[in-house]
Amino acid sequence: MLHHAADREKTGLNHNMKSFRVERLQNELKKLMNNSLSTKLNDPRLEWVIISDLVISKDLNYAKAYFTHYNNPLSHDEIKELLYKASGFFKKQIAGAQIMRTIPEITFFYDETEERASRVDALLASVKDDFEDNDDYDPDIDFEDYLDDDEIFDFEDDDEDLDDIEEIDEEDEL
């Protein structure tokens, strides 16, 4: 969840007591919203929707809620719209829990982490398949067989040249 860490860095929070409070609030709000989604909000269109991360602004007035969904036939945008319509319900739940003095404005974003991970896995699998299909590959290939002997640089033969460089460096220091 790289974008979530970047959001936390943008808030300018360092690791003092206030950042621990904000982090604890973020976790509590995420739990509260997930609990509300699964048990209190009776909208079958929002089944299998989960708040995967929540980031609160430094002034606690704004919250970004990242959501994912499984086995849900609706598109990301349709679910996002339903969550926006339910944001008043979430605000009432936050107010009722009395964990914050001010209730943040909530914006919803689809969390693409799962899809990105799937794409990376697919790419790695295709590379692995290509790699395994190559019967010519031999891990014990001796690369010296493919190199020209003229191109190999032997450092032992040039010890005299290194001595010359050291002498030049000593002269520069004087």
Protein backbone atom coordinates (compact mmCIF):
# COMPACT_ATOMS: atom_id res chain seq x y z
CA MET A 1 0.00 0.00 0.00
CA LEU A 2 2.50 2.47 -1.16
CA HIS A 3 0.14 5.34 -1.81
CA HIS A 4 -1.15 5.16 1.76
CA ALA A 5 2.31 5.59 3.24
CA ALA A 6 2.86 8.55 0.93
CA ASP A 7 -0.36 10.13 2.21
CA ARG A 8 0.85 9.73 5.76
CA GLU A 9 4.15 11.40 4.87
CA LYS A 10 2.32 14.30 3.22
CA THR A 11 0.50 15.02 6.46
CA GLY A 12 3.84 16.10 7.91
CA LEU A 13 3.47 13.98 11.01
CA ASN A 14 6.59 12.97 12.82
CA HIS A 15 6.78 10.26 15.43
CA ASN A 16 5.62 12.27 18.41
CA MET A 17 2.60 11.72 20.61
CA LYS A 18 0.26 13.41 18.14
CA SER A 19 1.18 11.01 15.34
CA PHE A 20 0.45 8.04 17.59
CA ARG A 21 -2.95 9.54 18.36
CA VAL A 22 -3.69 10.05 14.67
CA GLU A 23 -2.54 6.53 13.84
CA ARG A 24 -4.74 5.13 16.60
CA LEU A 25 -7.69 7.22 15.34
CA GLN A 26 -7.14 5.95 11.81
CA ASN A 27 -7.25 2.35 13.01
CA GLU A 28 -10.34 2.95 15.16
CA LEU A 29 -12.21 4.70 12.35
CA LYS A 30 -11.33 1.91 9.93
CA LYS A 31 -12.66 -0.70 12.38
CA LEU A 32 -15.79 1.36 13.01
CA MET A 33 -16.52 1.81 9.30
CA ASN A 34 -15.91 -1.87 8.53
CA ASN A 35 -18.17 -2.88 11.41
CA SER A 36 -20.85 -0.47 10.16
CA LEU A 37 -20.54 -1.83 6.61
CA SER A 38 -20.88 -5.45 7.65
CA THR A 39 -23.47 -5.28 10.44
CA LYS A 40 -25.34 -1.98 10.56
CA LEU A 41 -25.68 -0.80 6.98
CA ASN A 42 -28.34 -2.95 5.35
CA ASP A 43 -27.46 -2.38 1.71
CA PRO A 44 -26.94 -5.66 -0.17
CA ARG A 45 -25.10 -3.76 -2.92
CA LEU A 46 -22.31 -3.06 -0.43
CA GLU A 47 -21.79 -6.67 0.57
CA TRP A 48 -18.16 -7.73 0.53
CA VAL A 49 -16.96 -4.12 0.53
CA ILE A 50 -14.11 -3.54 2.96
CA ILE A 51 -12.32 -0.37 4.04
CA SER A 52 -8.70 -1.47 3.57
CA ASP A 53 -7.03 1.71 4.84
CA LEU A 54 -7.96 5.09 6.21
CA VAL A 55 -5.78 8.20 6.32
CA ILE A 56 -6.73 11.26 8.37
CA SER A 57 -5.38 14.72 7.65
CA LYS A 58 -3.19 16.45 10.21
CA ASP A 59 -6.00 18.78 11.27
CA LEU A 60 -8.40 15.79 11.60
CA ASN A 61 -10.97 17.46 9.32
CA TYR A 62 -10.56 15.12 6.33
CA ALA A 63 -10.30 11.37 5.93
CA LYS A 64 -9.42 9.29 2.88
CA ALA A 65 -11.02 5.85 3.02
CA TYR A 66 -9.59 3.23 0.66
CA PHE A 67 -11.95 0.38 -0.17
CA THR A 68 -11.79 -3.00 -1.86
CA HIS A 69 -14.55 -5.41 -2.78
CA TYR A 70 -14.80 -9.13 -3.43
CA ASN A 71 -17.52 -11.05 -5.24
CA ASN A 72 -19.39 -7.82 -5.85
CA PRO A 73 -20.82 -7.38 -9.37
CA LEU A 74 -20.82 -3.57 -9.16
CA SER A 75 -18.02 -1.48 -10.63
CA HIS A 76 -15.57 0.49 -8.50
CA ASP A 77 -17.30 3.74 -9.42
CA GLU A 78 -20.76 2.43 -8.50
CA ILE A 79 -19.51 1.25 -5.12
CA LYS A 80 -17.73 4.56 -4.58
CA GLU A 81 -21.00 6.39 -5.28
CA LEU A 82 -22.89 4.17 -2.80
CA LEU A 83 -20.23 4.83 -0.16
CA TYR A 84 -20.55 8.59 -0.74
CA LYS A 85 -24.30 8.29 -0.25
CA ALA A 86 -23.66 6.37 3.00
CA SER A 87 -21.08 8.89 4.27
CA GLY A 88 -23.73 10.60 6.45
CA PHE A 89 -24.40 7.23 8.07
CA PHE A 90 -20.66 6.76 8.70
CA LYS A 91 -20.43 10.25 10.22
CA LYS A 92 -23.30 9.43 12.59
CA GLN A 93 -21.50 6.24 13.60
CA ILE A 94 -18.29 8.20 14.28
CA ALA A 95 -20.21 10.82 16.29
CA GLY A 96 -21.99 8.09 18.27
CA ALA A 97 -18.69 6.40 19.13
CA GLN A 98 -17.43 9.69 20.62
CA ILE A 99 -13.84 9.05 19.64
CA MET A 100 -13.38 12.44 17.97
CA ARG A 101 -14.56 15.96 18.67
CA THR A 102 -14.81 16.86 15.00
CA ILE A 103 -16.21 14.51 12.41
CA PRO A 104 -14.02 14.40 9.29
CA GLU A 105 -15.22 14.79 5.73
CA ILE A 106 -14.77 11.35 4.19
CA THR A 107 -13.65 10.77 0.62
CA PHE A 108 -13.51 7.29 -0.87
CA PHE A 109 -10.88 5.82 -3.16
CA TYR A 110 -10.65 2.38 -4.69
CA ASP A 111 -7.60 0.55 -3.35
CA GLU A 112 -5.78 -0.86 -6.37
CA THR A 113 -3.21 -2.78 -4.32
CA GLU A 114 -4.79 -6.19 -4.99
CA GLU A 115 -5.04 -5.57 -8.73
CA ARG A 116 -1.46 -4.32 -8.91
CA ALA A 117 -0.26 -7.36 -6.99
CA SER A 118 -2.18 -9.63 -9.39
CA ARG A 119 -0.60 -7.91 -12.40
CA VAL A 120 2.89 -8.25 -10.89
CA ASP A 121 2.24 -11.93 -10.13
CA ALA A 122 1.05 -12.48 -13.71
CA LEU A 123 4.15 -10.74 -15.10
CA LEU A 124 6.44 -12.78 -12.88
CA ALA A 125 4.66 -15.98 -13.88
CA SER A 126 5.03 -15.14 -17.59
CA VAL A 127 8.71 -14.36 -17.11
CA LYS A 128 9.14 -17.63 -15.24
CA ASP A 129 7.35 -19.49 -18.05
CA ASP A 130 9.61 -17.84 -20.64
CA PHE A 131 12.62 -18.67 -18.53
CA GLU A 132 11.62 -22.32 -18.13
CA ASP A 133 10.85 -22.66 -21.86
CA ASN A 134 14.40 -21.75 -22.76
CA ASP A 135 16.04 -25.17 -23.02
CA ASP A 136 19.35 -23.59 -24.03
CA TYR A 137 19.88 -22.10 -20.61
CA ASP A 138 22.64 -23.72 -18.61
CA PRO A 139 23.39 -22.24 -15.19
CA ASP A 140 26.89 -23.73 -15.32
CA ILE A 141 27.95 -21.80 -18.42
CA ASP A 142 31.53 -20.67 -18.20
CA PHE A 143 31.44 -17.09 -19.48
CA GLU A 144 35.19 -17.07 -20.03
CA ASP A 145 34.57 -19.34 -23.01
CA TYR A 146 32.61 -16.51 -24.66
CA LEU A 147 35.01 -13.67 -23.88
CA ASP A 148 37.97 -12.67 -26.03
CA ASP A 149 41.23 -13.13 -24.20
CA ASP A 150 42.23 -9.64 -25.39
CA GLU A 151 39.31 -8.06 -23.57
CA ILE A 152 40.23 -9.54 -20.18
CA PHE A 153 42.05 -7.03 -18.02
CA ASP A 154 44.53 -8.56 -15.62
CA PHE A 155 45.20 -6.27 -12.65
CA GLU A 156 48.32 -8.19 -11.62
CA ASP A 157 50.13 -7.13 -14.81
CA ASP A 158 49.48 -3.46 -14.17
CA ASP A 159 50.89 -3.13 -10.65
CA GLU A 160 53.55 -0.80 -12.06
CA ASP A 161 50.87 1.52 -13.46
CA LEU A 162 49.19 1.66 -10.05
CA ASP A 163 52.49 2.64 -8.44
CA ASP A 164 52.76 5.52 -10.93
CA ILE A 165 49.27 6.73 -9.97
CA GLU A 166 50.16 6.64 -6.26
CA GLU A 167 53.30 8.71 -6.93
CA ILE A 168 51.26 11.33 -8.84
CA ASP A 169 48.75 11.54 -5.97
CA GLU A 170 51.55 12.07 -3.44
CA GLU A 171 53.03 14.87 -5.58
CA ASP A 172 49.59 16.59 -5.74
CA GLU A 173 49.30 16.55 -1.96
CA LEU A 174 52.65 18.41 -1.57
